[in-house]
Amino acid sequence: MIVLKIFLVILVVLFVLFLMSLAIYFFNLDMKFAAAMTPVMNRYYDWQKSKRETKRKKDGETC
């Protein structure tokens, strides 16, 4: 009996995950998330770039 309950729970979880993947695909949510994250990633990249340049100037490199 317990095995049947575990099996049903696994089936329900898989079905919910499948429905969530369909919703993500239908509404193109992955690309909307990527578009929303672009400014954040650009700010992080610029911060890292300035950090590298500052370190390079501090070490005396002229690349």
N, C-alpha and C. Protein backbone atom coordinates (compact mmCIF):
# COMPACT_ATOMS: atom_id res chain seq x y z
N MET A 1 0.81 -1.20 0.00
CA MET A 1 0.00 0.00 0.00
C MET A 1 0.85 1.26 0.00
N ILE A 2 1.93 1.24 0.79
CA ILE A 2 2.81 2.41 0.87
C ILE A 2 3.53 2.64 -0.45
N VAL A 3 3.84 1.55 -1.16
CA VAL A 3 4.52 1.66 -2.45
C VAL A 3 3.61 2.36 -3.45
N LEU A 4 2.33 2.08 -3.40
CA LEU A 4 1.36 2.71 -4.29
C LEU A 4 1.29 4.21 -4.01
N LYS A 5 1.30 4.60 -2.75
CA LYS A 5 1.25 6.01 -2.39
C LYS A 5 2.51 6.74 -2.87
N ILE A 6 3.65 6.10 -2.70
CA ILE A 6 4.90 6.71 -3.16
C ILE A 6 4.88 6.87 -4.67
N PHE A 7 4.40 5.84 -5.37
CA PHE A 7 4.30 5.90 -6.81
C PHE A 7 3.37 7.01 -7.26
N LEU A 8 2.23 7.17 -6.60
CA LEU A 8 1.29 8.23 -6.95
C LEU A 8 1.89 9.61 -6.69
N VAL A 9 2.61 9.77 -5.60
CA VAL A 9 3.25 11.05 -5.32
C VAL A 9 4.28 11.38 -6.39
N ILE A 10 5.05 10.40 -6.79
CA ILE A 10 6.05 10.61 -7.84
C ILE A 10 5.36 11.00 -9.15
N LEU A 11 4.27 10.32 -9.48
CA LEU A 11 3.53 10.65 -10.70
C LEU A 11 2.98 12.07 -10.65
N VAL A 12 2.43 12.47 -9.51
CA VAL A 12 1.88 13.82 -9.37
C VAL A 12 2.99 14.86 -9.52
N VAL A 13 4.13 14.61 -8.89
CA VAL A 13 5.25 15.56 -8.99
C VAL A 13 5.73 15.67 -10.43
N LEU A 14 5.86 14.56 -11.12
CA LEU A 14 6.28 14.59 -12.52
C LEU A 14 5.26 15.31 -13.40
N PHE A 15 3.98 15.10 -13.13
CA PHE A 15 2.94 15.76 -13.91
C PHE A 15 2.97 17.27 -13.69
N VAL A 16 3.16 17.70 -12.45
CA VAL A 16 3.23 19.13 -12.15
C VAL A 16 4.47 19.75 -12.82
N LEU A 17 5.59 19.06 -12.76
CA LEU A 17 6.79 19.56 -13.44
C LEU A 17 6.58 19.65 -14.95
N PHE A 18 5.87 18.69 -15.51
CA PHE A 18 5.57 18.73 -16.94
C PHE A 18 4.69 19.93 -17.27
N LEU A 19 3.67 20.18 -16.45
CA LEU A 19 2.80 21.33 -16.69
C LEU A 19 3.56 22.65 -16.54
N MET A 20 4.47 22.71 -15.59
CA MET A 20 5.28 23.92 -15.42
C MET A 20 6.18 24.14 -16.63
N SER A 21 6.74 23.07 -17.17
CA SER A 21 7.59 23.23 -18.36
C SER A 21 6.77 23.69 -19.57
N LEU A 22 5.54 23.23 -19.68
CA LEU A 22 4.68 23.69 -20.76
C LEU A 22 4.35 25.17 -20.60
N ALA A 23 4.08 25.61 -19.39
CA ALA A 23 3.79 27.03 -19.14
C ALA A 23 5.01 27.89 -19.46
N ILE A 24 6.20 27.43 -19.08
CA ILE A 24 7.42 28.17 -19.38
C ILE A 24 7.62 28.27 -20.89
N TYR A 25 7.38 27.18 -21.59
CA TYR A 25 7.52 27.17 -23.04
C TYR A 25 6.47 28.05 -23.70
N PHE A 26 5.22 27.94 -23.29
CA PHE A 26 4.12 28.66 -23.92
C PHE A 26 4.28 30.17 -23.77
N PHE A 27 4.66 30.62 -22.59
CA PHE A 27 4.77 32.06 -22.33
C PHE A 27 6.18 32.59 -22.56
N ASN A 28 7.10 31.74 -23.04
CA ASN A 28 8.47 32.13 -23.35
C ASN A 28 9.15 32.77 -22.14
N LEU A 29 8.92 32.19 -20.97
CA LEU A 29 9.40 32.78 -19.74
C LEU A 29 10.92 32.71 -19.59
N ASP A 30 11.54 31.72 -20.20
CA ASP A 30 13.00 31.62 -20.08
C ASP A 30 13.68 32.81 -20.75
N MET A 31 13.21 33.21 -21.91
CA MET A 31 13.82 34.35 -22.60
C MET A 31 13.45 35.66 -21.93
N LYS A 32 12.25 35.74 -21.35
CA LYS A 32 11.88 36.95 -20.62
C LYS A 32 12.76 37.10 -19.38
N PHE A 33 13.07 35.98 -18.73
CA PHE A 33 13.96 36.03 -17.58
C PHE A 33 15.37 36.44 -18.01
N ALA A 34 15.84 35.89 -19.12
CA ALA A 34 17.17 36.25 -19.62
C ALA A 34 17.23 37.73 -19.98
N ALA A 35 16.17 38.26 -20.59
CA ALA A 35 16.14 39.68 -20.95
C ALA A 35 16.13 40.55 -19.70
N ALA A 36 15.45 40.11 -18.66
CA ALA A 36 15.41 40.88 -17.42
C ALA A 36 16.75 40.82 -16.69
N MET A 37 17.49 39.75 -16.86
CA MET A 37 18.77 39.60 -16.17
C MET A 37 19.93 40.28 -16.91
N THR A 38 19.74 40.67 -18.16
CA THR A 38 20.82 41.27 -18.94
C THR A 38 21.41 42.52 -18.29
N PRO A 39 20.60 43.48 -17.82
CA PRO A 39 21.20 44.66 -17.17
C PRO A 39 22.00 44.29 -15.92
N VAL A 40 21.52 43.33 -15.16
CA VAL A 40 22.23 42.90 -13.96
C VAL A 40 23.57 42.27 -14.33
N MET A 41 23.55 41.41 -15.34
CA MET A 41 24.79 40.75 -15.78
C MET A 41 25.77 41.77 -16.36
N ASN A 42 25.26 42.77 -17.09
CA ASN A 42 26.13 43.80 -17.64
C ASN A 42 26.80 44.62 -16.54
N ARG A 43 26.04 44.97 -15.51
CA ARG A 43 26.62 45.71 -14.39
C ARG A 43 27.70 44.89 -13.71
N TYR A 44 27.45 43.61 -13.52
CA TYR A 44 28.45 42.73 -12.90
C TYR A 44 29.68 42.62 -13.78
N TYR A 45 29.50 42.47 -15.08
CA TYR A 45 30.63 42.38 -16.00
C TYR A 45 31.46 43.66 -15.95
N ASP A 46 30.80 44.81 -16.00
CA ASP A 46 31.51 46.08 -15.94
C ASP A 46 32.26 46.24 -14.63
N TRP A 47 31.66 45.80 -13.53
CA TRP A 47 32.31 45.88 -12.23
C TRP A 47 33.56 45.01 -12.21
N GLN A 48 33.46 43.79 -12.75
CA GLN A 48 34.62 42.90 -12.80
C GLN A 48 35.70 43.48 -13.71
N LYS A 49 35.29 44.08 -14.82
CA LYS A 49 36.25 44.65 -15.76
C LYS A 49 37.03 45.79 -15.10
N SER A 50 36.32 46.67 -14.41
CA SER A 50 37.01 47.77 -13.74
C SER A 50 37.90 47.24 -12.61
N LYS A 51 37.46 46.19 -11.96
CA LYS A 51 38.28 45.58 -10.91
C LYS A 51 39.57 45.00 -11.49
N ARG A 52 39.47 44.32 -12.64
CA ARG A 52 40.66 43.77 -13.29
C ARG A 52 41.60 44.89 -13.75
N GLU A 53 41.03 45.95 -14.33
CA GLU A 53 41.86 47.06 -14.80
C GLU A 53 42.57 47.75 -13.65
N THR A 54 41.89 47.92 -12.53
CA THR A 54 42.50 48.53 -11.36
C THR A 54 43.64 47.66 -10.85
N LYS A 55 43.42 46.36 -10.82
CA LYS A 55 44.48 45.45 -10.37
C LYS A 55 45.65 45.48 -11.33
N ARG A 56 45.37 45.52 -12.62
CA ARG A 56 46.42 45.55 -13.63
C ARG A 56 47.26 46.82 -13.49
N LYS A 57 46.61 47.97 -13.29
CA LYS A 57 47.34 49.23 -13.10
C LYS A 57 48.16 49.20 -11.82
N LYS A 58 47.61 48.57 -10.81
CA LYS A 58 48.31 48.49 -9.53
C LYS A 58 49.55 47.63 -9.65
N ASP A 59 49.47 46.56 -10.43
CA ASP A 59 50.61 45.65 -10.60
C ASP A 59 51.62 46.20 -11.60
N GLY A 60 51.26 47.23 -12.34
CA GLY A 60 52.21 47.86 -13.26
C GLY A 60 52.19 47.29 -14.66
N GLU A 61 51.19 46.51 -15.02
CA GLU A 61 51.10 45.97 -16.37
C GLU A 61 50.55 47.04 -17.29
N THR A 62 50.90 46.96 -18.58
CA THR A 62 50.44 47.96 -19.54
C THR A 62 49.70 47.33 -20.71
N CYS A 63 48.98 46.25 -20.48
CA CYS A 63 48.24 45.60 -21.56
C CYS A 63 47.05 46.41 -21.91
